[in-house]
C-alpha atoms as a PDB file:
ATOM      1  CA  MET A   1     104.974  79.816  69.290  1.00  0.00           C
ATOM      2  CA  PRO A   2     103.202  79.896  72.689  1.00  0.00           C
ATOM      3  CA  LYS A   3     100.626  77.189  73.327  1.00  0.00           C
ATOM      4  CA  ARG A   4      97.036  78.395  73.044  1.00  0.00           C
ATOM      5  CA  VAL A   5      95.083  77.908  76.268  1.00  0.00           C
ATOM      6  CA  ASP A   6      91.494  76.643  76.102  1.00  0.00           C
ATOM      7  CA  HIS A   7      89.972  78.477  79.055  1.00  0.00           C
ATOM      8  CA  ALA A   8      86.515  76.963  78.555  1.00  0.00           C
ATOM      9  CA  GLU A   9      88.003  73.464  78.702  1.00  0.00           C
ATOM     10  CA  ARG A  10      89.892  74.300  81.886  1.00  0.00           C
ATOM     11  CA  ARG A  11      86.795  75.694  83.572  1.00  0.00           C
ATOM     12  CA  ALA A  12      84.787  72.631  82.528  1.00  0.00           C
ATOM     13  CA  ARG A  13      87.506  70.353  83.893  1.00  0.00           C
ATOM     14  CA  ILE A  14      87.407  72.104  87.271  1.00  0.00           C
ATOM     15  CA  ILE A  15      83.595  72.030  87.399  1.00  0.00           C
ATOM     16  CA  ASP A  16      83.526  68.320  86.555  1.00  0.00           C
ATOM     17  CA  ALA A  17      86.057  67.673  89.319  1.00  0.00           C
ATOM     18  CA  LEU A  18      83.856  69.432  91.868  1.00  0.00           C
ATOM     19  CA  LEU A  19      80.862  67.363  90.793  1.00  0.00           C
ATOM     20  CA  ARG A  20      82.817  64.144  91.263  1.00  0.00           C
ATOM     21  CA  VAL A  21      83.886  65.179  94.761  1.00  0.00           C
ATOM     22  CA  ALA A  22      80.375  66.314  95.679  1.00  0.00           C
ATOM     23  CA  GLY A  23      78.846  63.137  94.250  1.00  0.00           C
ATOM     24  CA  ARG A  24      81.139  60.947  96.336  1.00  0.00           C
ATOM     25  CA  GLU A  25      81.413  62.896  99.587  1.00  0.00           C
ATOM     26  CA  GLY A  26      78.763  65.608  99.576  1.00  0.00           C
ATOM     27  CA  LEU A  27      79.081  69.345  99.068  1.00  0.00           C
ATOM     28  CA  ALA A  28      80.302  69.971 102.611  1.00  0.00           C
ATOM     29  CA  ALA A  29      83.494  68.065 101.752  1.00  0.00           C
ATOM     30  CA  VAL A  30      84.266  70.306  98.770  1.00  0.00           C
ATOM     31  CA  THR A  31      87.240  72.652  99.129  1.00  0.00           C
ATOM     32  CA  MET A  32      89.239  74.509  96.502  1.00  0.00           C
ATOM     33  CA  ARG A  33      92.216  72.276  97.328  1.00  0.00           C
ATOM     34  CA  ALA A  34      90.150  69.072  97.027  1.00  0.00           C
ATOM     35  CA  VAL A  35      88.790  70.191  93.653  1.00  0.00           C
ATOM     36  CA  ALA A  36      92.292  71.026  92.410  1.00  0.00           C
ATOM     37  CA  ALA A  37      93.548  67.579  93.426  1.00  0.00           C
ATOM     38  CA  GLU A  38      90.571  65.871  91.764  1.00  0.00           C
ATOM     39  CA  ALA A  39      91.101  67.856  88.559  1.00  0.00           C
ATOM     40  CA  GLY A  40      94.844  67.212  88.568  1.00  0.00           C
ATOM     41  CA  VAL A  41      95.682  70.916  88.498  1.00  0.00           C
ATOM     42  CA  SER A  42      97.228  73.373  90.928  1.00  0.00           C
ATOM     43  CA  LEU A  43      95.258  75.236  93.561  1.00  0.00           C
ATOM     44  CA  ARG A  44      96.525  78.443  91.975  1.00  0.00           C
ATOM     45  CA  LEU A  45      94.891  77.498  88.669  1.00  0.00           C
ATOM     46  CA  VAL A  46      91.518  76.883  90.334  1.00  0.00           C
ATOM     47  CA  GLN A  47      91.810  80.266  92.041  1.00  0.00           C
ATOM     48  CA  TYR A  48      92.714  81.891  88.721  1.00  0.00           C
ATOM     49  CA  TYR A  49      89.308  80.941  87.279  1.00  0.00           C
ATOM     50  CA  PHE A  50      87.270  81.174  90.482  1.00  0.00           C
ATOM     51  CA  ASP A  51      88.153  83.767  93.103  1.00  0.00           C
ATOM     52  CA  THR A  52      86.317  82.012  95.928  1.00  0.00           C
ATOM     53  CA  LYS A  53      84.634  78.712  96.697  1.00  0.00           C
ATOM     54  CA  ALA A  54      81.281  80.516  96.467  1.00  0.00           C
ATOM     55  CA  ASP A  55      82.079  81.652  92.910  1.00  0.00           C
ATOM     56  CA  LEU A  56      83.039  78.095  91.974  1.00  0.00           C
ATOM     57  CA  LEU A  57      79.865  76.627  93.469  1.00  0.00           C
ATOM     58  CA  HIS A  58      77.705  79.189  91.694  1.00  0.00           C
ATOM     59  CA  ALA A  59      79.358  78.344  88.369  1.00  0.00           C
ATOM     60  CA  VAL A  60      78.653  74.675  89.054  1.00  0.00           C
ATOM     61  CA  LEU A  61      74.949  75.387  89.663  1.00  0.00           C
ATOM     62  CA  GLU A  62      74.730  77.270  86.370  1.00  0.00           C
ATOM     63  CA  ASP A  63      76.426  74.395  84.559  1.00  0.00           C
ATOM     64  CA  LEU A  64      74.116  71.829  86.163  1.00  0.00           C
ATOM     65  CA  GLU A  65      71.080  73.864  85.133  1.00  0.00           C
ATOM     66  CA  ARG A  66      72.320  74.022  81.536  1.00  0.00           C
ATOM     67  CA  ARG A  67      72.873  70.255  81.458  1.00  0.00           C
ATOM     68  CA  SER A  68      69.450  69.601  82.963  1.00  0.00           C
ATOM     69  CA  HIS A  69      67.778  71.734  80.291  1.00  0.00           C
ATOM     70  CA  GLU A  70      69.672  69.848  77.585  1.00  0.00           C
ATOM     71  CA  ARG A  71      68.449  66.520  78.974  1.00  0.00           C
ATOM     72  CA  TRP A  72      64.905  67.898  79.160  1.00  0.00           C
ATOM     73  CA  ASN A  73      65.084  68.939  75.496  1.00  0.00           C
ATOM     74  CA  ALA A  74      66.447  65.492  74.617  1.00  0.00           C
ATOM     75  CA  ARG A  75      63.493  63.833  76.363  1.00  0.00           C
ATOM     76  CA  LEU A  76      61.044  65.980  74.381  1.00  0.00           C
ATOM     77  CA  THR A  77      62.849  65.308  71.110  1.00  0.00           C
ATOM     78  CA  ALA A  78      62.723  61.557  71.757  1.00  0.00           C
ATOM     79  CA  LEU A  79      58.912  61.549  71.924  1.00  0.00           C
ATOM     80  CA  PRO A  80      57.289  59.938  68.854  1.00  0.00           C
ATOM     81  CA  SER A  81      55.190  63.004  67.917  1.00  0.00           C
ATOM     82  CA  ALA A  82      54.813  66.689  68.750  1.00  0.00           C
ATOM     83  CA  PRO A  83      54.639  66.774  72.567  1.00  0.00           C
ATOM     84  CA  SER A  84      51.346  67.763  74.151  1.00  0.00           C
ATOM     85  CA  THR A  85      51.155  70.014  77.184  1.00  0.00           C
ATOM     86  CA  ARG A  86      50.897  66.941  79.416  1.00  0.00           C
ATOM     87  CA  ASP A  87      53.938  65.369  77.700  1.00  0.00           C
ATOM     88  CA  HIS A  88      55.890  68.584  78.141  1.00  0.00           C
ATOM     89  CA  VAL A  89      55.195  68.779  81.876  1.00  0.00           C
ATOM     90  CA  GLU A  90      55.709  65.050  82.447  1.00  0.00           C
ATOM     91  CA  GLN A  91      59.161  65.205  80.862  1.00  0.00           C
ATOM     92  CA  PHE A  92      60.055  68.126  83.132  1.00  0.00           C
ATOM     93  CA  LEU A  93      58.984  66.089  86.152  1.00  0.00           C
ATOM     94  CA  ALA A  94      60.899  63.035  84.961  1.00  0.00           C
ATOM     95  CA  GLU A  95      64.062  65.100  84.536  1.00  0.00           C
ATOM     96  CA  ALA A  96      63.620  66.836  87.901  1.00  0.00           C
ATOM     97  CA  LEU A  97      63.568  63.597  89.895  1.00  0.00           C
ATOM     98  CA  PRO A  98      67.017  62.186  90.853  1.00  0.00           C
ATOM     99  CA  THR A  99      66.672  58.849  89.069  1.00  0.00           C
ATOM    100  CA  ASP A 100      70.134  58.570  87.482  1.00  0.00           C
ATOM    101  CA  GLU A 101      73.629  59.797  88.289  1.00  0.00           C
ATOM    102  CA  PRO A 102      73.439  63.226  86.558  1.00  0.00           C
ATOM    103  CA  SER A 103      70.067  64.097  88.102  1.00  0.00           C
ATOM    104  CA  ARG A 104      71.139  62.667  91.472  1.00  0.00           C
ATOM    105  CA  VAL A 105      74.214  64.901  91.575  1.00  0.00           C
ATOM    106  CA  PHE A 106      72.151  67.900  90.427  1.00  0.00           C
ATOM    107  CA  HIS A 107      69.647  67.436  93.257  1.00  0.00           C
ATOM    108  CA  LEU A 108      72.325  66.685  95.839  1.00  0.00           C
ATOM    109  CA  VAL A 109      74.420  69.746  94.976  1.00  0.00           C
ATOM    110  CA  TRP A 110      71.492  72.167  94.716  1.00  0.00           C
ATOM    111  CA  THR A 111      69.896  71.011  97.979  1.00  0.00           C
ATOM    112  CA  SER A 112      73.223  71.075  99.809  1.00  0.00           C
ATOM    113  CA  TYR A 113      73.963  74.549  98.442  1.00  0.00           C
ATOM    114  CA  ALA A 114      70.572  75.795  99.659  1.00  0.00           C
ATOM    115  CA  VAL A 115      71.244  74.500 103.163  1.00  0.00           C
ATOM    116  CA  LEU A 116      74.759  75.959 103.294  1.00  0.00           C
ATOM    117  CA  ALA A 117      73.538  79.327 101.991  1.00  0.00           C
ATOM    118  CA  MET A 118      71.233  79.660 104.997  1.00  0.00           C
ATOM    119  CA  THR A 119      74.248  80.170 107.260  1.00  0.00           C
ATOM    120  CA  ASP A 120      77.028  81.225 104.874  1.00  0.00           C
ATOM    121  CA  PRO A 121      76.763  84.917 103.838  1.00  0.00           C
ATOM    122  CA  GLU A 122      79.232  84.388 100.980  1.00  0.00           C
ATOM    123  CA  LEU A 123      76.990  81.755  99.415  1.00  0.00           C
ATOM    124  CA  ALA A 124      73.793  83.620 100.223  1.00  0.00           C
ATOM    125  CA  ARG A 125      74.916  86.697  98.263  1.00  0.00           C
ATOM    126  CA  LEU A 126      74.714  84.722  95.000  1.00  0.00           C
ATOM    127  CA  PRO A 127      71.247  84.261  93.464  1.00  0.00           C
ATOM    128  CA  PHE A 128      71.121  80.455  93.523  1.00  0.00           C
ATOM    129  CA  VAL A 129      67.301  80.546  93.408  1.00  0.00           C
ATOM    130  CA  ALA A 130      67.451  82.081  89.930  1.00  0.00           C
ATOM    131  CA  GLY A 131      67.391  78.604  88.351  1.00  0.00           C
ATOM    132  CA  PRO A 132      64.154  77.464  90.023  1.00  0.00           C
ATOM    133  CA  ASP A 133      62.659  80.889  89.275  1.00  0.00           C
ATOM    134  CA  ARG A 134      63.391  80.379  85.572  1.00  0.00           C
ATOM    135  CA  LEU A 135      61.782  76.923  85.687  1.00  0.00           C
ATOM    136  CA  GLU A 136      58.671  78.341  87.354  1.00  0.00           C
ATOM    137  CA  ARG A 137      58.363  81.024  84.693  1.00  0.00           C
ATOM    138  CA  HIS A 138      58.737  78.475  81.917  1.00  0.00           C
ATOM    139  CA  LEU A 139      56.162  76.132  83.469  1.00  0.00           C
ATOM    140  CA  THR A 140      53.810  79.060  84.012  1.00  0.00           C
ATOM    141  CA  GLU A 141      53.898  79.862  80.292  1.00  0.00           C
ATOM    142  CA  THR A 142      53.388  76.184  79.439  1.00  0.00           C
ATOM    143  CA  LEU A 143      50.351  75.956  81.729  1.00  0.00           C
ATOM    144  CA  ARG A 144      48.922  79.208  80.361  1.00  0.00           C
ATOM    145  CA  THR A 145      49.058  77.655  76.907  1.00  0.00           C
ATOM    146  CA  ALA A 146      47.243  74.623  78.302  1.00  0.00           C
ATOM    147  CA  GLN A 147      44.665  76.919  79.878  1.00  0.00           C
ATOM    148  CA  GLN A 148      44.013  78.628  76.545  1.00  0.00           C
ATOM    149  CA  ARG A 149      43.473  75.212  74.967  1.00  0.00           C
ATOM    150  CA  GLY A 150      41.052  74.172  77.683  1.00  0.00           C
ATOM    151  CA  GLU A 151      43.408  71.415  78.884  1.00  0.00           C
ATOM    152  CA  LEU A 152      43.976  72.840  82.358  1.00  0.00           C
ATOM    153  CA  VAL A 153      41.315  72.170  84.984  1.00  0.00           C
ATOM    154  CA  ALA A 154      39.084  75.205  85.491  1.00  0.00           C
ATOM    155  CA  ASP A 155      40.031  77.735  88.175  1.00  0.00           C
ATOM    156  CA  THR A 156      43.673  76.582  88.176  1.00  0.00           C
ATOM    157  CA  ASP A 157      46.145  79.456  88.485  1.00  0.00           C
ATOM    158  CA  PRO A 158      49.080  78.692  86.124  1.00  0.00           C
ATOM    159  CA  ALA A 159      51.653  80.617  88.190  1.00  0.00           C
ATOM    160  CA  ILE A 160      50.636  79.012  91.487  1.00  0.00           C
ATOM    161  CA  GLU A 161      50.463  75.564  89.888  1.00  0.00           C
ATOM    162  CA  ALA A 162      53.949  76.015  88.400  1.00  0.00           C
ATOM    163  CA  ALA A 163      55.300  76.949  91.840  1.00  0.00           C
ATOM    164  CA  ARG A 164      53.578  73.917  93.336  1.00  0.00           C
ATOM    165  CA  LEU A 165      55.049  71.564  90.715  1.00  0.00           C
ATOM    166  CA  VAL A 166      58.595  72.839  91.260  1.00  0.00           C
ATOM    167  CA  THR A 167      58.198  72.605  95.039  1.00  0.00           C
ATOM    168  CA  LEU A 168      56.614  69.164  94.819  1.00  0.00           C
ATOM    169  CA  THR A 169      59.430  67.766  92.680  1.00  0.00           C
ATOM    170  CA  HIS A 170      62.080  69.200  95.010  1.00  0.00           C
ATOM    171  CA  GLY A 171      60.426  67.578  98.007  1.00  0.00           C
ATOM    172  CA  LEU A 172      59.924  64.236  96.271  1.00  0.00           C
ATOM    173  CA  GLY A 173      63.481  64.363  94.966  1.00  0.00           C
ATOM    174  CA  THR A 174      64.808  64.710  98.496  1.00  0.00           C
ATOM    175  CA  SER A 175      62.627  61.838  99.731  1.00  0.00           C
ATOM    176  CA  LEU A 176      63.919  59.713  96.847  1.00  0.00           C
ATOM    177  CA  LEU A 177      67.554  60.499  97.672  1.00  0.00           C
ATOM    178  CA  ALA A 178      66.931  59.736 101.342  1.00  0.00           C
ATOM    179  CA  GLY A 179      65.388  56.363 100.497  1.00  0.00           C
ATOM    180  CA  GLN A 180      61.948  57.254 101.795  1.00  0.00           C
ATOM    181  CA  ARG A 181      60.343  56.560  98.418  1.00  0.00           C
ATOM    182  CA  SER A 182      61.239  54.595  95.318  1.00  0.00           C
ATOM    183  CA  GLU A 183      61.338  56.113  91.833  1.00  0.00           C
ATOM    184  CA  GLN A 184      58.029  54.409  91.026  1.00  0.00           C
ATOM    185  CA  GLU A 185      56.377  55.761  94.171  1.00  0.00           C
ATOM    186  CA  ALA A 186      57.611  59.324  93.572  1.00  0.00           C
ATOM    187  CA  THR A 187      56.461  59.200  89.949  1.00  0.00           C
ATOM    188  CA  ALA A 188      53.058  57.893  91.031  1.00  0.00           C
ATOM    189  CA  VAL A 189      52.615  60.871  93.383  1.00  0.00           C
ATOM    190  CA  LEU A 190      53.442  63.317  90.578  1.00  0.00           C
ATOM    191  CA  HIS A 191      51.088  61.637  88.104  1.00  0.00           C
ATOM    192  CA  TYR A 192      48.337  61.513  90.729  1.00  0.00           C
ATOM    193  CA  HIS A 193      48.615  65.276  91.092  1.00  0.00           C
ATOM    194  CA  LEU A 194      48.859  65.948  87.343  1.00  0.00           C
ATOM    195  CA  ASP A 195      45.746  63.861  86.649  1.00  0.00           C
ATOM    196  CA  ARG A 196      43.783  66.327  88.772  1.00  0.00           C
ATOM    197  CA  VAL A 197      45.023  69.561  87.215  1.00  0.00           C
ATOM    198  CA  LEU A 198      46.203  68.594  83.722  1.00  0.00           C
ATOM    199  CA  PRO A 199      44.364  65.443  82.568  1.00  0.00           C
ATOM    200  CA  ARG A 200      45.843  63.710  79.564  1.00  0.00           C
ATOM    201  CA  VAL A 201      44.001  64.676  76.373  1.00  0.00           C
ATOM    202  CA  GLU A 202      44.215  62.480  73.308  1.00  0.00           C
ATOM    203  CA  ARG A 203      45.158  64.646  70.335  1.00  0.00           C
ATOM    204  CA  ALA A 204      45.806  63.827  66.695  1.00  0.00           C
ATOM    205  CA  ASP A 205      49.488  63.687  65.785  1.00  0.00           C
ATOM    206  CA  GLN A 206      50.823  66.891  64.287  1.00  0.00           C
ATOM    207  CA  PRO A 207      53.146  66.966  61.270  1.00  0.00           C
ATOM    208  CA  ALA A 208      55.928  68.847  63.008  1.00  0.00           C
ATOM    209  CA  ARG A 209      57.172  68.960  66.561  1.00  0.00           C
ATOM    210  CA  GLN A 210      57.231  72.761  66.490  1.00  0.00           C
ATOM    211  CA  ALA A 211      53.475  72.754  65.870  1.00  0.00           C
ATOM    212  CA  SER A 212      52.833  71.771  69.486  1.00  0.00           C
ATOM    213  CA  GLY A 213      52.840  75.441  70.491  1.00  0.00           C
ATOM    214  CA  MET A 214      54.756  74.719  73.676  1.00  0.00           C
ATOM    215  CA  PRO A 215      57.517  77.093  74.755  1.00  0.00           C
ATOM    216  CA  VAL A 216      60.895  75.399  74.386  1.00  0.00           C
ATOM    217  CA  PRO A 217      63.126  75.230  77.486  1.00  0.00           C
ATOM    218  CA  SER A 218      66.328  77.210  77.081  1.00  0.00           C
ATOM    219  CA  THR A 219      69.634  75.354  77.154  1.00  0.00           C
ATOM    220  CA  GLY A 220      71.442  78.333  78.634  1.00  0.00           C
ATOM    221  CA  SER A 221      71.419  80.219  81.905  1.00  0.00           C
ATOM    222  CA  ALA A 222      70.322  83.798  82.140  1.00  0.00           C
ATOM    223  CA  SER A 223      73.244  84.475  84.432  1.00  0.00           C
ATOM    224  CA  GLY A 224      75.902  82.603  82.686  1.00  0.00           C
ATOM    225  CA  GLU A 225      71.159  75.914  82.885  1.00  0.00           C
ATOM    226  CA  VAL A 226      69.893  72.986  84.989  1.00  0.00           C
END
Protein backbone atom coordinates (compact mmCIF):
# COMPACT_ATOMS: atom_id res chain seq x y z
CA MET A 1 0.00 0.00 0.00
CA PRO A 2 1.54 3.38 -0.96
CA LYS A 3 2.66 5.61 1.89
CA ARG A 4 0.31 8.50 2.59
CA VAL A 5 2.02 11.88 2.23
CA ASP A 6 1.30 14.62 4.78
CA HIS A 7 1.53 17.70 2.58
CA ALA A 8 0.80 20.12 5.42
CA GLU A 9 3.68 18.66 7.43
CA ARG A 10 6.03 18.98 4.47
CA ARG A 11 5.07 22.60 3.87
CA ALA A 12 5.52 23.38 7.57
CA ARG A 13 8.93 21.71 7.54
CA ILE A 14 10.06 23.86 4.60
CA ILE A 15 8.70 27.05 6.18
CA ASP A 16 10.44 26.29 9.48
CA ALA A 17 13.69 25.71 7.59
CA LEU A 18 13.44 29.12 5.93
CA LEU A 19 12.85 30.78 9.29
CA ARG A 20 15.96 29.15 10.73
CA VAL A 21 18.07 30.34 7.80
CA ALA A 22 16.60 33.84 7.94
CA GLY A 23 17.04 34.00 11.72
CA ARG A 24 20.72 33.10 11.45
CA GLU A 25 21.78 34.88 8.27
CA GLY A 26 19.03 37.30 7.28
CA LEU A 27 16.45 37.09 4.51
CA ALA A 28 18.91 38.14 1.82
CA ALA A 29 20.79 34.87 2.37
CA VAL A 30 17.68 32.75 1.76
CA THR A 31 17.60 30.73 -1.46
CA MET A 32 15.45 27.78 -2.46
CA ARG A 33 18.57 25.59 -2.38
CA ALA A 34 19.58 26.83 1.10
CA VAL A 35 16.08 26.14 2.43
CA ALA A 36 16.09 22.65 0.92
CA ALA A 37 19.44 21.87 2.57
CA GLU A 38 18.24 23.22 5.93
CA ALA A 39 15.04 21.16 5.72
CA GLY A 40 16.92 18.04 4.65
CA VAL A 41 14.86 17.65 1.48
CA SER A 42 15.55 17.97 -2.23
CA LEU A 43 15.37 21.24 -4.11
CA ARG A 44 12.78 19.60 -6.35
CA LEU A 45 10.52 18.99 -3.35
CA VAL A 46 10.71 22.64 -2.27
CA GLN A 47 9.83 23.67 -5.82
CA TYR A 48 6.94 21.21 -5.85
CA TYR A 49 5.24 23.10 -3.01
CA PHE A 50 6.44 26.60 -3.88
CA ASP A 51 6.91 27.59 -7.51
CA THR A 52 9.19 30.53 -6.76
CA LYS A 53 11.13 32.05 -3.88
CA ALA A 54 8.53 34.84 -3.76
CA ASP A 55 5.74 32.28 -3.26
CA LEU A 56 7.73 30.64 -0.46
CA LEU A 57 8.42 33.95 1.27
CA HIS A 58 4.77 34.96 1.05
CA ALA A 59 3.71 31.65 2.61
CA VAL A 60 6.21 32.28 5.40
CA LEU A 61 4.72 35.73 6.11
CA GLU A 62 1.24 34.22 6.33
CA ASP A 63 2.50 31.55 8.71
CA LEU A 64 4.29 34.12 10.88
CA GLU A 65 1.13 36.21 11.07
CA ARG A 66 -0.90 33.18 12.17
CA ARG A 67 1.64 32.34 14.88
CA SER A 68 1.72 35.94 16.08
CA HIS A 69 -2.07 36.00 16.42
CA GLU A 70 -1.95 32.75 18.39
CA ARG A 71 0.60 34.23 20.80
CA TRP A 72 -1.53 37.37 21.12
CA ASN A 73 -4.58 35.25 22.01
CA ALA A 74 -2.46 33.32 24.52
CA ARG A 75 -1.40 36.58 26.19
CA LEU A 76 -5.04 37.67 26.51
CA THR A 77 -6.10 34.28 27.85
CA ALA A 78 -3.36 34.41 30.48
CA LEU A 79 -4.73 37.63 32.00
CA PRO A 80 -6.41 37.09 35.39
CA SER A 81 -9.79 38.56 34.35
CA ALA A 82 -11.70 39.67 31.27
CA PRO A 83 -9.26 41.98 29.44
CA SER A 84 -10.11 45.66 29.28
CA THR A 85 -9.57 47.74 26.17
CA ARG A 86 -6.23 48.93 27.57
CA ASP A 87 -5.20 45.32 28.34
CA HIS A 88 -6.17 44.26 24.84
CA VAL A 89 -4.06 46.95 23.18
CA GLU A 90 -1.13 46.51 25.56
CA GLN A 91 -0.94 42.80 24.77
CA PHE A 92 -0.91 43.61 21.05
CA LEU A 93 1.98 46.01 21.61
CA ALA A 94 3.86 43.49 23.74
CA GLU A 95 3.51 40.84 21.04
CA ALA A 96 4.50 43.26 18.26
CA LEU A 97 7.86 44.13 19.82
CA PRO A 98 10.74 41.71 19.01
CA THR A 99 11.51 40.68 22.59
CA ASP A 100 11.97 36.92 22.13
CA GLU A 101 13.11 34.62 19.34
CA PRO A 102 9.71 34.11 17.61
CA SER A 103 8.88 37.83 17.59
CA ARG A 104 12.46 38.72 16.63
CA VAL A 105 12.33 36.46 13.58
CA PHE A 106 8.86 37.78 12.68
CA HIS A 107 10.07 41.38 12.71
CA LEU A 108 13.32 40.57 10.93
CA VAL A 109 11.63 38.65 8.12
CA TRP A 110 8.79 41.12 7.59
CA THR A 111 11.08 44.17 7.58
CA SER A 112 13.57 42.47 5.26
CA TYR A 113 10.75 41.41 2.93
CA ALA A 114 9.46 45.00 2.80
CA VAL A 115 12.89 46.30 1.83
CA LEU A 116 13.43 43.62 -0.82
CA ALA A 117 9.96 44.20 -2.28
CA MET A 118 10.86 47.81 -3.03
CA THR A 119 13.24 46.66 -5.77
CA ASP A 120 12.06 43.13 -6.59
CA PRO A 121 8.94 43.10 -8.83
CA GLU A 122 8.32 39.41 -8.07
CA LEU A 123 8.05 40.13 -4.35
CA ALA A 124 6.17 43.38 -4.85
CA ARG A 125 3.35 41.64 -6.75
CA LEU A 126 2.33 39.78 -3.57
CA PRO A 127 0.23 41.72 -1.03
CA PHE A 128 2.62 41.51 1.93
CA VAL A 129 0.99 44.59 3.51
CA ALA A 130 -2.25 42.64 3.94
CA GLY A 131 -1.14 41.49 7.40
CA PRO A 132 -0.56 44.98 8.82
CA ASP A 133 -3.81 46.10 7.17
CA ARG A 134 -5.69 43.37 9.04
CA LEU A 135 -4.06 44.44 12.32
CA GLU A 136 -5.05 48.06 11.72
CA ARG A 137 -8.65 47.06 11.06
CA HIS A 138 -8.76 44.95 14.21
CA LEU A 139 -7.25 47.73 16.34
CA THR A 140 -9.65 50.23 14.80
CA GLU A 141 -12.61 48.13 15.93
CA THR A 142 -11.07 47.74 19.39
CA LEU A 143 -10.58 51.50 19.73
CA ARG A 144 -14.10 52.20 18.48
CA THR A 145 -15.39 50.00 21.28
CA ALA A 146 -13.25 52.00 23.70
CA GLN A 147 -14.65 55.21 22.25
CA GLN A 148 -18.21 54.02 22.80
CA ARG A 149 -17.33 53.26 26.42
CA GLY A 150 -15.80 56.69 26.93
CA GLU A 151 -12.34 55.18 27.49
CA LEU A 152 -10.68 56.80 24.48
CA VAL A 153 -9.54 60.41 24.84
CA ALA A 154 -11.98 62.80 23.19
CA ASP A 155 -11.41 63.77 19.55
CA THR A 156 -9.26 60.67 18.92
CA ASP A 157 -9.89 59.08 15.53
CA PRO A 158 -9.85 55.27 16.03
CA ALA A 159 -8.67 54.50 12.48
CA ILE A 160 -5.84 57.05 12.55
CA GLU A 161 -4.81 55.97 16.06
CA ALA A 162 -4.73 52.31 14.97
CA ALA A 163 -2.48 53.23 12.03
CA ARG A 164 -0.24 55.21 14.37
CA LEU A 165 0.06 52.31 16.83
CA VAL A 166 1.01 49.82 14.11
CA THR A 167 3.53 52.26 12.64
CA LEU A 168 4.94 53.12 16.05
CA THR A 169 5.48 49.48 16.99
CA HIS A 170 7.18 48.74 13.66
CA GLY A 171 9.56 51.64 14.16
CA LEU A 172 10.31 50.77 17.78
CA GLY A 173 10.74 47.13 16.83
CA THR A 174 13.41 48.06 14.31
CA SER A 175 15.20 50.29 16.83
CA LEU A 176 15.11 47.41 19.32
CA LEU A 177 16.59 44.96 16.81
CA ALA A 178 19.29 47.47 15.89
CA GLY A 179 20.24 47.95 19.54
CA GLN A 180 19.21 51.59 19.66
CA ARG A 181 16.75 50.94 22.49
CA SER A 182 16.26 48.28 25.12
CA GLU A 183 13.00 46.37 25.59
CA GLN A 184 12.24 48.48 28.67
CA GLU A 185 12.85 51.73 26.80
CA ALA A 186 10.69 50.70 23.83
CA THR A 187 7.89 49.59 26.15
CA ALA A 188 8.11 52.88 28.05
CA VAL A 189 7.63 54.84 24.81
CA LEU A 190 4.53 52.80 23.93
CA HIS A 191 3.01 53.19 27.39
CA TYR A 192 3.78 56.91 27.37
CA HIS A 193 1.76 57.23 24.18
CA LEU A 194 -1.08 54.98 25.36
CA ASP A 195 -1.45 56.95 28.60
CA ARG A 196 -2.35 59.98 26.50
CA VAL A 197 -4.95 58.38 24.24
CA LEU A 198 -6.22 55.36 26.17
CA PRO A 199 -5.73 55.93 29.93
CA ARG A 200 -6.07 52.86 32.09
CA VAL A 201 -9.54 52.66 33.65
CA GLU A 202 -10.13 50.56 36.73
CA ARG A 203 -13.12 48.31 36.10
CA ALA A 204 -14.79 45.65 38.22
CA ASP A 205 -13.88 42.10 37.23
CA GLN A 206 -16.38 40.45 34.92
CA PRO A 207 -17.54 36.85 35.35
CA ALA A 208 -16.48 35.72 31.91
CA ARG A 209 -13.68 36.71 29.59
CA GLN A 210 -16.10 36.97 26.67
CA ALA A 211 -17.98 39.70 28.54
CA SER A 212 -15.18 42.18 27.82
CA GLY A 213 -16.82 43.07 24.50
CA MET A 214 -13.48 43.23 22.73
CA PRO A 215 -13.17 41.79 19.23
CA VAL A 216 -11.03 38.65 19.31
CA PRO A 217 -7.97 38.55 17.01
CA SER A 218 -8.24 35.88 14.35
CA THR A 219 -5.73 33.04 14.37
CA GLY A 220 -5.90 32.66 10.60
CA SER A 221 -4.91 34.69 7.59
CA ALA A 222 -7.43 36.05 5.17
CA SER A 223 -5.18 35.01 2.33
CA GLY A 224 -4.13 31.67 3.50
CA GLU A 225 -1.64 35.07 10.54
CA VAL A 226 1.12 37.03 12.31
